[in-house]
Amino acid sequence: MKEKEQQPQQPKPFTPGITRSQVREHAFRIFKDKLNRGPLTVEDWVFAEKDLVNSMQTEETEEP
């Protein structure tokens, strides 16, 4: 009997004020092509969170 590989779960966000759903939505936007081939890795989730925080900070500085 073959054991199914356990898919990595989305880690809890490490940035205060950021929710899992925000990170998930952003990750699905930036990794939509990768999702067709399989689940996201922990590294993908961390990258998505960092990219989300960076884009939020950029938007804050651009506002007049």
PDB file of N, CA and C in Angstrom:
ATOM      1  N   MET A   1       0.838  -1.174   0.000  1.00  0.00           N
ATOM      2  CA  MET A   1       0.000   0.000   0.000  1.00  0.00           C
ATOM      3  C   MET A   1       0.890   1.247   0.000  1.00  0.00           C
ATOM      4  N   LYS A   2       0.621   2.131  -0.908  1.00  0.00           N
ATOM      5  CA  LYS A   2       1.421   3.354  -0.991  1.00  0.00           C
ATOM      6  C   LYS A   2       0.900   4.393  -0.013  1.00  0.00           C
ATOM      7  N   GLU A   3       1.845   5.057   0.630  1.00  0.00           N
ATOM      8  CA  GLU A   3       1.452   6.158   1.510  1.00  0.00           C
ATOM      9  C   GLU A   3       1.408   7.438   0.706  1.00  0.00           C
ATOM     10  N   LYS A   4       0.399   8.221   0.949  1.00  0.00           N
ATOM     11  CA  LYS A   4       0.284   9.513   0.280  1.00  0.00           C
ATOM     12  C   LYS A   4       1.240  10.497   0.923  1.00  0.00           C
ATOM     13  N   GLU A   5       1.946  11.235   0.081  1.00  0.00           N
ATOM     14  CA  GLU A   5       2.822  12.280   0.618  1.00  0.00           C
ATOM     15  C   GLU A   5       1.962  13.360   1.242  1.00  0.00           C
ATOM     16  N   GLN A   6       2.354  13.766   2.432  1.00  0.00           N
ATOM     17  CA  GLN A   6       1.593  14.813   3.100  1.00  0.00           C
ATOM     18  C   GLN A   6       1.954  16.161   2.480  1.00  0.00           C
ATOM     19  N   GLN A   7       0.940  16.889   2.068  1.00  0.00           N
ATOM     20  CA  GLN A   7       1.158  18.192   1.461  1.00  0.00           C
ATOM     21  C   GLN A   7       1.497  19.200   2.543  1.00  0.00           C
ATOM     22  N   PRO A   8       2.457  20.083   2.260  1.00  0.00           N
ATOM     23  CA  PRO A   8       2.792  21.099   3.259  1.00  0.00           C
ATOM     24  C   PRO A   8       1.617  22.036   3.496  1.00  0.00           C
ATOM     25  N   GLN A   9       1.356  22.319   4.738  1.00  0.00           N
ATOM     26  CA  GLN A   9       0.272  23.221   5.103  1.00  0.00           C
ATOM     27  C   GLN A   9       0.766  24.663   5.060  1.00  0.00           C
ATOM     28  N   GLN A  10      -0.157  25.565   4.873  1.00  0.00           N
ATOM     29  CA  GLN A  10       0.184  26.977   4.902  1.00  0.00           C
ATOM     30  C   GLN A  10       0.593  27.337   6.325  1.00  0.00           C
ATOM     31  N   PRO A  11       1.809  27.876   6.496  1.00  0.00           N
ATOM     32  CA  PRO A  11       2.240  28.251   7.845  1.00  0.00           C
ATOM     33  C   PRO A  11       1.508  29.495   8.343  1.00  0.00           C
ATOM     34  N   LYS A  12       1.498  29.643   9.643  1.00  0.00           N
ATOM     35  CA  LYS A  12       0.904  30.830  10.257  1.00  0.00           C
ATOM     36  C   LYS A  12       1.751  32.043   9.876  1.00  0.00           C
ATOM     37  N   PRO A  13       1.142  33.151   9.466  1.00  0.00           N
ATOM     38  CA  PRO A  13       1.919  34.342   9.103  1.00  0.00           C
ATOM     39  C   PRO A  13       2.755  34.843  10.279  1.00  0.00           C
ATOM     40  N   PHE A  14       3.964  35.280   9.981  1.00  0.00           N
ATOM     41  CA  PHE A  14       4.857  35.790  11.027  1.00  0.00           C
ATOM     42  C   PHE A  14       4.776  37.301  11.157  1.00  0.00           C
ATOM     43  N   THR A  15       4.102  37.966  10.217  1.00  0.00           N
ATOM     44  CA  THR A  15       3.966  39.416  10.248  1.00  0.00           C
ATOM     45  C   THR A  15       2.696  39.790  11.007  1.00  0.00           C
ATOM     46  N   PRO A  16       2.820  40.594  12.072  1.00  0.00           N
ATOM     47  CA  PRO A  16       1.624  41.013  12.817  1.00  0.00           C
ATOM     48  C   PRO A  16       0.653  41.774  11.909  1.00  0.00           C
ATOM     49  N   GLY A  17      -0.626  41.470  12.036  1.00  0.00           N
ATOM     50  CA  GLY A  17      -1.644  42.163  11.256  1.00  0.00           C
ATOM     51  C   GLY A  17      -1.945  41.536   9.908  1.00  0.00           C
ATOM     52  N   ILE A  18      -1.201  40.519   9.522  1.00  0.00           N
ATOM     53  CA  ILE A  18      -1.427  39.826   8.252  1.00  0.00           C
ATOM     54  C   ILE A  18      -2.133  38.506   8.550  1.00  0.00           C
ATOM     55  N   THR A  19      -3.189  38.214   7.793  1.00  0.00           N
ATOM     56  CA  THR A  19      -3.942  36.984   8.024  1.00  0.00           C
ATOM     57  C   THR A  19      -3.569  35.912   7.000  1.00  0.00           C
ATOM     58  N   ARG A  20      -3.900  34.679   7.335  1.00  0.00           N
ATOM     59  CA  ARG A  20      -3.654  33.573   6.402  1.00  0.00           C
ATOM     60  C   ARG A  20      -4.414  33.778   5.100  1.00  0.00           C
ATOM     61  N   SER A  21      -5.623  34.283   5.192  1.00  0.00           N
ATOM     62  CA  SER A  21      -6.418  34.467   3.972  1.00  0.00           C
ATOM     63  C   SER A  21      -5.803  35.526   3.057  1.00  0.00           C
ATOM     64  N   GLN A  22      -5.225  36.579   3.633  1.00  0.00           N
ATOM     65  CA  GLN A  22      -4.548  37.589   2.813  1.00  0.00           C
ATOM     66  C   GLN A  22      -3.358  36.967   2.087  1.00  0.00           C
ATOM     67  N   VAL A  23      -2.574  36.183   2.812  1.00  0.00           N
ATOM     68  CA  VAL A  23      -1.401  35.539   2.213  1.00  0.00           C
ATOM     69  C   VAL A  23      -1.848  34.534   1.155  1.00  0.00           C
ATOM     70  N   ARG A  24      -2.895  33.754   1.453  1.00  0.00           N
ATOM     71  CA  ARG A  24      -3.387  32.748   0.510  1.00  0.00           C
ATOM     72  C   ARG A  24      -3.842  33.400  -0.786  1.00  0.00           C
ATOM     73  N   GLU A  25      -4.604  34.486  -0.683  1.00  0.00           N
ATOM     74  CA  GLU A  25      -5.091  35.183  -1.874  1.00  0.00           C
ATOM     75  C   GLU A  25      -3.923  35.710  -2.707  1.00  0.00           C
ATOM     76  N   HIS A  26      -2.939  36.295  -2.042  1.00  0.00           N
ATOM     77  CA  HIS A  26      -1.773  36.829  -2.750  1.00  0.00           C
ATOM     78  C   HIS A  26      -0.971  35.692  -3.388  1.00  0.00           C
ATOM     79  N   ALA A  27      -0.795  34.600  -2.646  1.00  0.00           N
ATOM     80  CA  ALA A  27      -0.040  33.454  -3.167  1.00  0.00           C
ATOM     81  C   ALA A  27      -0.714  32.874  -4.405  1.00  0.00           C
ATOM     82  N   PHE A  28      -2.027  32.766  -4.381  1.00  0.00           N
ATOM     83  CA  PHE A  28      -2.731  32.218  -5.531  1.00  0.00           C
ATOM     84  C   PHE A  28      -2.597  33.130  -6.747  1.00  0.00           C
ATOM     85  N   ARG A  29      -2.487  34.436  -6.510  1.00  0.00           N
ATOM     86  CA  ARG A  29      -2.290  35.373  -7.614  1.00  0.00           C
ATOM     87  C   ARG A  29      -0.898  35.229  -8.223  1.00  0.00           C
ATOM     88  N   ILE A  30       0.134  35.146  -7.372  1.00  0.00           N
ATOM     89  CA  ILE A  30       1.500  35.143  -7.917  1.00  0.00           C
ATOM     90  C   ILE A  30       1.977  33.753  -8.332  1.00  0.00           C
ATOM     91  N   PHE A  31       1.329  32.705  -7.837  1.00  0.00           N
ATOM     92  CA  PHE A  31       1.749  31.343  -8.173  1.00  0.00           C
ATOM     93  C   PHE A  31       0.686  30.575  -8.957  1.00  0.00           C
ATOM     94  N   LYS A  32      -0.178  31.263  -9.687  1.00  0.00           N
ATOM     95  CA  LYS A  32      -1.273  30.569 -10.370  1.00  0.00           C
ATOM     96  C   LYS A  32      -0.766  29.524 -11.365  1.00  0.00           C
ATOM     97  N   ASP A  33       0.369  29.760 -12.005  1.00  0.00           N
ATOM     98  CA  ASP A  33       0.909  28.770 -12.934  1.00  0.00           C
ATOM     99  C   ASP A  33       1.492  27.564 -12.198  1.00  0.00           C
ATOM    100  N   LYS A  34       2.059  27.786 -11.041  1.00  0.00           N
ATOM    101  CA  LYS A  34       2.666  26.698 -10.267  1.00  0.00           C
ATOM    102  C   LYS A  34       1.607  25.802  -9.632  1.00  0.00           C
ATOM    103  N   LEU A  35       0.445  26.337  -9.326  1.00  0.00           N
ATOM    104  CA  LEU A  35      -0.615  25.565  -8.675  1.00  0.00           C
ATOM    105  C   LEU A  35      -1.132  24.439  -9.561  1.00  0.00           C
ATOM    106  N   ASN A  36      -0.984  24.564 -10.875  1.00  0.00           N
ATOM    107  CA  ASN A  36      -1.416  23.503 -11.786  1.00  0.00           C
ATOM    108  C   ASN A  36      -0.540  22.262 -11.662  1.00  0.00           C
ATOM    109  N   ARG A  37       0.689  22.431 -11.192  1.00  0.00           N
ATOM    110  CA  ARG A  37       1.637  21.312 -11.094  1.00  0.00           C
ATOM    111  C   ARG A  37       1.663  20.674  -9.720  1.00  0.00           C
ATOM    112  N   GLY A  38       1.117  21.333  -8.721  1.00  0.00           N
ATOM    113  CA  GLY A  38       1.127  20.756  -7.384  1.00  0.00           C
ATOM    114  C   GLY A  38       0.970  21.817  -6.318  1.00  0.00           C
ATOM    115  N   PRO A  39       1.041  21.388  -5.049  1.00  0.00           N
ATOM    116  CA  PRO A  39       0.845  22.329  -3.939  1.00  0.00           C
ATOM    117  C   PRO A  39       2.045  23.255  -3.751  1.00  0.00           C
ATOM    118  N   LEU A  40       1.810  24.347  -3.067  1.00  0.00           N
ATOM    119  CA  LEU A  40       2.881  25.289  -2.760  1.00  0.00           C
ATOM    120  C   LEU A  40       3.735  24.752  -1.617  1.00  0.00           C
ATOM    121  N   THR A  41       5.015  25.093  -1.648  1.00  0.00           N
ATOM    122  CA  THR A  41       5.929  24.691  -0.582  1.00  0.00           C
ATOM    123  C   THR A  41       5.898  25.739   0.526  1.00  0.00           C
ATOM    124  N   VAL A  42       6.510  25.410   1.648  1.00  0.00           N
ATOM    125  CA  VAL A  42       6.611  26.373   2.750  1.00  0.00           C
ATOM    126  C   VAL A  42       7.362  27.613   2.276  1.00  0.00           C
ATOM    127  N   GLU A  43       8.396  27.405   1.465  1.00  0.00           N
ATOM    128  CA  GLU A  43       9.165  28.535   0.932  1.00  0.00           C
ATOM    129  C   GLU A  43       8.291  29.434   0.066  1.00  0.00           C
ATOM    130  N   ASP A  44       7.383  28.840  -0.706  1.00  0.00           N
ATOM    131  CA  ASP A  44       6.455  29.625  -1.531  1.00  0.00           C
ATOM    132  C   ASP A  44       5.543  30.481  -0.658  1.00  0.00           C
ATOM    133  N   TRP A  45       5.037  29.886   0.426  1.00  0.00           N
ATOM    134  CA  TRP A  45       4.159  30.627   1.335  1.00  0.00           C
ATOM    135  C   TRP A  45       4.903  31.795   1.977  1.00  0.00           C
ATOM    136  N   VAL A  46       6.145  31.550   2.404  1.00  0.00           N
ATOM    137  CA  VAL A  46       6.938  32.615   3.038  1.00  0.00           C
ATOM    138  C   VAL A  46       7.219  33.723   2.028  1.00  0.00           C
ATOM    139  N   PHE A  47       7.574  33.340   0.801  1.00  0.00           N
ATOM    140  CA  PHE A  47       7.817  34.337  -0.238  1.00  0.00           C
ATOM    141  C   PHE A  47       6.562  35.169  -0.493  1.00  0.00           C
ATOM    142  N   ALA A  48       5.413  34.506  -0.567  1.00  0.00           N
ATOM    143  CA  ALA A  48       4.152  35.216  -0.822  1.00  0.00           C
ATOM    144  C   ALA A  48       3.859  36.220   0.281  1.00  0.00           C
ATOM    145  N   GLU A  49       4.109  35.828   1.528  1.00  0.00           N
ATOM    146  CA  GLU A  49       3.860  36.754   2.640  1.00  0.00           C
ATOM    147  C   GLU A  49       4.804  37.950   2.575  1.00  0.00           C
ATOM    148  N   LYS A  50       6.083  37.694   2.327  1.00  0.00           N
ATOM    149  CA  LYS A  50       7.049  38.798   2.240  1.00  0.00           C
ATOM    150  C   LYS A  50       6.699  39.732   1.086  1.00  0.00           C
ATOM    151  N   ASP A  51       6.295  39.159  -0.046  1.00  0.00           N
ATOM    152  CA  ASP A  51       5.929  39.968  -1.201  1.00  0.00           C
ATOM    153  C   ASP A  51       4.674  40.796  -0.915  1.00  0.00           C
ATOM    154  N   LEU A  52       3.714  40.199  -0.220  1.00  0.00           N
ATOM    155  CA  LEU A  52       2.493  40.917   0.153  1.00  0.00           C
ATOM    156  C   LEU A  52       2.815  42.096   1.062  1.00  0.00           C
ATOM    157  N   VAL A  53       3.623  41.869   2.081  1.00  0.00           N
ATOM    158  CA  VAL A  53       3.993  42.942   3.015  1.00  0.00           C
ATOM    159  C   VAL A  53       4.739  44.041   2.273  1.00  0.00           C
ATOM    160  N   ASN A  54       5.653  43.659   1.396  1.00  0.00           N
ATOM    161  CA  ASN A  54       6.415  44.638   0.622  1.00  0.00           C
ATOM    162  C   ASN A  54       5.486  45.476  -0.262  1.00  0.00           C
ATOM    163  N   SER A  55       4.530  44.836  -0.915  1.00  0.00           N
ATOM    164  CA  SER A  55       3.618  45.589  -1.784  1.00  0.00           C
ATOM    165  C   SER A  55       2.702  46.501  -0.970  1.00  0.00           C
ATOM    166  N   MET A  56       2.310  46.064   0.227  1.00  0.00           N
ATOM    167  CA  MET A  56       1.480  46.913   1.091  1.00  0.00           C
ATOM    168  C   MET A  56       2.266  48.133   1.567  1.00  0.00           C
ATOM    169  N   GLN A  57       3.536  47.944   1.891  1.00  0.00           N
ATOM    170  CA  GLN A  57       4.369  49.066   2.328  1.00  0.00           C
ATOM    171  C   GLN A  57       4.614  50.030   1.180  1.00  0.00           C
ATOM    172  N   THR A  58       4.781  49.508  -0.015  1.00  0.00           N
ATOM    173  CA  THR A  58       4.986  50.354  -1.190  1.00  0.00           C
ATOM    174  C   THR A  58       3.747  51.197  -1.462  1.00  0.00           C
ATOM    175  N   GLU A  59       2.571  50.590  -1.339  1.00  0.00           N
ATOM    176  CA  GLU A  59       1.324  51.328  -1.546  1.00  0.00           C
ATOM    177  C   GLU A  59       1.165  52.444  -0.524  1.00  0.00           C
ATOM    178  N   GLU A  60       1.573  52.197   0.719  1.00  0.00           N
ATOM    179  CA  GLU A  60       1.471  53.221   1.769  1.00  0.00           C
ATOM    180  C   GLU A  60       2.350  54.424   1.461  1.00  0.00           C
ATOM    181  N   THR A  61       3.545  54.188   0.960  1.00  0.00           N
ATOM    182  CA  THR A  61       4.468  55.291   0.699  1.00  0.00           C
ATOM    183  C   THR A  61       4.084  56.076  -0.544  1.00  0.00           C
ATOM    184  N   GLU A  62       3.324  55.469  -1.450  1.00  0.00           N
ATOM    185  CA  GLU A  62       2.926  56.161  -2.674  1.00  0.00           C
ATOM    186  C   GLU A  62       1.726  57.070  -2.475  1.00  0.00           C
ATOM    187  N   GLU A  63       0.962  56.859  -1.414  1.00  0.00           N
ATOM    188  CA  GLU A  63      -0.214  57.692  -1.176  1.00  0.00           C
ATOM    189  C   GLU A  63       0.212  59.094  -0.761  1.00  0.00           C
ATOM    190  N   PRO A  64      -0.493  60.132  -1.277  1.00  0.00           N
ATOM    191  CA  PRO A  64      -0.116  61.515  -0.934  1.00  0.00           C
ATOM    192  C   PRO A  64      -0.437  61.880   0.493  1.00  0.00           C
TER     193      PRO A  64
END
